[in-house]
Amino acid sequence: MERPTILRIKDIYYPVLASFGFPANLVTIVILFRGKCGLSKCISIYMVAMATADLLVIIFNVIERWSPHQTPLPIVSWPNRTRLCLLISD
């Protein structure tokens, strides 16, 4: 049986997104930490926090998707995740 098209797209989309997003966030963090980008200190701290959060999302997404083992402590179990998705979609 052939996989649905959306799953085949996700197999290509997420690795490409991670391969561009990871180095881009690292560069952003380094540039903003140096403090010579012309932004105020408060804005720089906020942007570093956003880039760090995005980097962590990419890292955990890669771990969850490509790990050969099941994660020992899932953050949201599948039954709860399904209920949450149903709640959001209504």
C-alpha atoms as a PDB file:
ATOM      1  CA  MET A   1       0.000   0.000   0.000  1.00  0.00           C
ATOM      2  CA  GLU A   2       1.342   3.407  -0.975  1.00  0.00           C
ATOM      3  CA  ARG A   3       1.827   6.079   1.671  1.00  0.00           C
ATOM      4  CA  PRO A   4      -0.377   9.182   1.509  1.00  0.00           C
ATOM      5  CA  THR A   5       1.106  12.168  -0.269  1.00  0.00           C
ATOM      6  CA  ILE A   6       1.168  14.334   2.859  1.00  0.00           C
ATOM      7  CA  LEU A   7       3.402  11.820   4.646  1.00  0.00           C
ATOM      8  CA  ARG A   8       5.803  11.696   1.715  1.00  0.00           C
ATOM      9  CA  ILE A   9       5.940  15.514   1.712  1.00  0.00           C
ATOM     10  CA  LYS A  10       6.646  15.542   5.454  1.00  0.00           C
ATOM     11  CA  ASP A  11       9.517  13.088   4.919  1.00  0.00           C
ATOM     12  CA  ILE A  12      11.180  15.700   2.706  1.00  0.00           C
ATOM     13  CA  TYR A  13       9.968  18.927   4.334  1.00  0.00           C
ATOM     14  CA  TYR A  14      11.102  18.368   7.934  1.00  0.00           C
ATOM     15  CA  PRO A  15      14.703  17.367   7.166  1.00  0.00           C
ATOM     16  CA  VAL A  16      15.085  20.350   4.820  1.00  0.00           C
ATOM     17  CA  LEU A  17      13.572  22.684   7.402  1.00  0.00           C
ATOM     18  CA  ALA A  18      15.858  21.309  10.126  1.00  0.00           C
ATOM     19  CA  SER A  19      18.958  21.526   7.932  1.00  0.00           C
ATOM     20  CA  PHE A  20      18.335  25.229   7.255  1.00  0.00           C
ATOM     21  CA  GLY A  21      16.832  26.148  10.627  1.00  0.00           C
ATOM     22  CA  PHE A  22      19.535  24.695  12.874  1.00  0.00           C
ATOM     23  CA  PRO A  23      22.510  26.651  11.473  1.00  0.00           C
ATOM     24  CA  ALA A  24      20.387  29.783  10.949  1.00  0.00           C
ATOM     25  CA  ASN A  25      19.352  29.826  14.602  1.00  0.00           C
ATOM     26  CA  LEU A  26      22.914  29.202  15.757  1.00  0.00           C
ATOM     27  CA  VAL A  27      24.192  32.104  13.663  1.00  0.00           C
ATOM     28  CA  THR A  28      21.378  34.317  14.952  1.00  0.00           C
ATOM     29  CA  ILE A  29      22.214  33.500  18.563  1.00  0.00           C
ATOM     30  CA  VAL A  30      25.935  34.180  18.043  1.00  0.00           C
ATOM     31  CA  ILE A  31      25.324  37.499  16.271  1.00  0.00           C
ATOM     32  CA  LEU A  32      22.850  38.722  18.855  1.00  0.00           C
ATOM     33  CA  PHE A  33      25.078  37.674  21.765  1.00  0.00           C
ATOM     34  CA  ARG A  34      27.896  39.792  20.411  1.00  0.00           C
ATOM     35  CA  GLY A  35      25.659  42.833  20.845  1.00  0.00           C
ATOM     36  CA  LYS A  36      26.941  44.745  17.828  1.00  0.00           C
ATOM     37  CA  CYS A  37      23.849  44.443  15.688  1.00  0.00           C
ATOM     38  CA  GLY A  38      22.303  47.849  16.408  1.00  0.00           C
ATOM     39  CA  LEU A  39      19.399  46.592  18.495  1.00  0.00           C
ATOM     40  CA  SER A  40      18.610  47.545  22.064  1.00  0.00           C
ATOM     41  CA  LYS A  41      19.672  45.169  24.835  1.00  0.00           C
ATOM     42  CA  CYS A  42      16.059  44.207  25.585  1.00  0.00           C
ATOM     43  CA  ILE A  43      15.274  43.381  21.950  1.00  0.00           C
ATOM     44  CA  SER A  44      18.494  41.376  21.626  1.00  0.00           C
ATOM     45  CA  ILE A  45      17.658  39.280  24.701  1.00  0.00           C
ATOM     46  CA  TYR A  46      14.141  38.663  23.382  1.00  0.00           C
ATOM     47  CA  MET A  47      15.431  37.621  19.950  1.00  0.00           C
ATOM     48  CA  VAL A  48      18.032  35.287  21.510  1.00  0.00           C
ATOM     49  CA  ALA A  49      15.266  33.686  23.579  1.00  0.00           C
ATOM     50  CA  MET A  50      13.131  33.188  20.456  1.00  0.00           C
ATOM     51  CA  ALA A  51      16.022  31.717  18.468  1.00  0.00           C
ATOM     52  CA  THR A  52      16.893  29.408  21.384  1.00  0.00           C
ATOM     53  CA  ALA A  53      13.293  28.220  21.678  1.00  0.00           C
ATOM     54  CA  ASP A  54      13.145  27.584  17.936  1.00  0.00           C
ATOM     55  CA  LEU A  55      16.428  25.693  18.098  1.00  0.00           C
ATOM     56  CA  LEU A  56      15.111  23.486  20.905  1.00  0.00           C
ATOM     57  CA  VAL A  57      11.946  22.756  18.910  1.00  0.00           C
ATOM     58  CA  ILE A  58      14.074  21.670  15.952  1.00  0.00           C
ATOM     59  CA  ILE A  59      16.304  19.499  18.143  1.00  0.00           C
ATOM     60  CA  PHE A  60      13.413  17.768  19.923  1.00  0.00           C
ATOM     61  CA  ASN A  61      11.534  17.335  16.656  1.00  0.00           C
ATOM     62  CA  VAL A  62      14.545  15.596  15.137  1.00  0.00           C
ATOM     63  CA  ILE A  63      14.930  13.398  18.219  1.00  0.00           C
ATOM     64  CA  GLU A  64      11.248  12.449  18.199  1.00  0.00           C
ATOM     65  CA  ARG A  65      10.971  11.807  14.467  1.00  0.00           C
ATOM     66  CA  TRP A  66      14.214   9.988  13.752  1.00  0.00           C
ATOM     67  CA  SER A  67      14.897   8.180  16.969  1.00  0.00           C
ATOM     68  CA  PRO A  68      14.797   4.414  16.404  1.00  0.00           C
ATOM     69  CA  HIS A  69      13.539   3.945  19.963  1.00  0.00           C
ATOM     70  CA  GLN A  70      10.313   5.060  21.530  1.00  0.00           C
ATOM     71  CA  THR A  71      10.848   7.991  23.871  1.00  0.00           C
ATOM     72  CA  PRO A  72      10.556   6.754  27.474  1.00  0.00           C
ATOM     73  CA  LEU A  73       8.455   9.650  28.772  1.00  0.00           C
ATOM     74  CA  PRO A  74       6.283  11.192  26.078  1.00  0.00           C
ATOM     75  CA  ILE A  75       5.308  14.751  26.887  1.00  0.00           C
ATOM     76  CA  VAL A  76       1.749  14.206  25.656  1.00  0.00           C
ATOM     77  CA  SER A  77       0.568  10.644  25.245  1.00  0.00           C
ATOM     78  CA  TRP A  78      -1.242   9.702  22.038  1.00  0.00           C
ATOM     79  CA  PRO A  79      -4.782   9.470  23.490  1.00  0.00           C
ATOM     80  CA  ASN A  80      -4.393  12.889  25.108  1.00  0.00           C
ATOM     81  CA  ARG A  81      -2.827  14.313  21.964  1.00  0.00           C
ATOM     82  CA  THR A  82      -5.790  13.114  19.898  1.00  0.00           C
ATOM     83  CA  ARG A  83      -8.261  14.702  22.301  1.00  0.00           C
ATOM     84  CA  LEU A  84      -6.246  17.923  22.242  1.00  0.00           C
ATOM     85  CA  CYS A  85      -6.257  17.947  18.435  1.00  0.00           C
ATOM     86  CA  LEU A  86     -10.012  17.375  18.400  1.00  0.00           C
ATOM     87  CA  LEU A  87     -10.492  20.203  20.876  1.00  0.00           C
ATOM     88  CA  ILE A  88      -8.373  22.583  18.808  1.00  0.00           C
ATOM     89  CA  SER A  89     -10.004  21.652  15.486  1.00  0.00           C
ATOM     90  CA  ASP A  90     -13.538  22.363  16.754  1.00  0.00           C
END
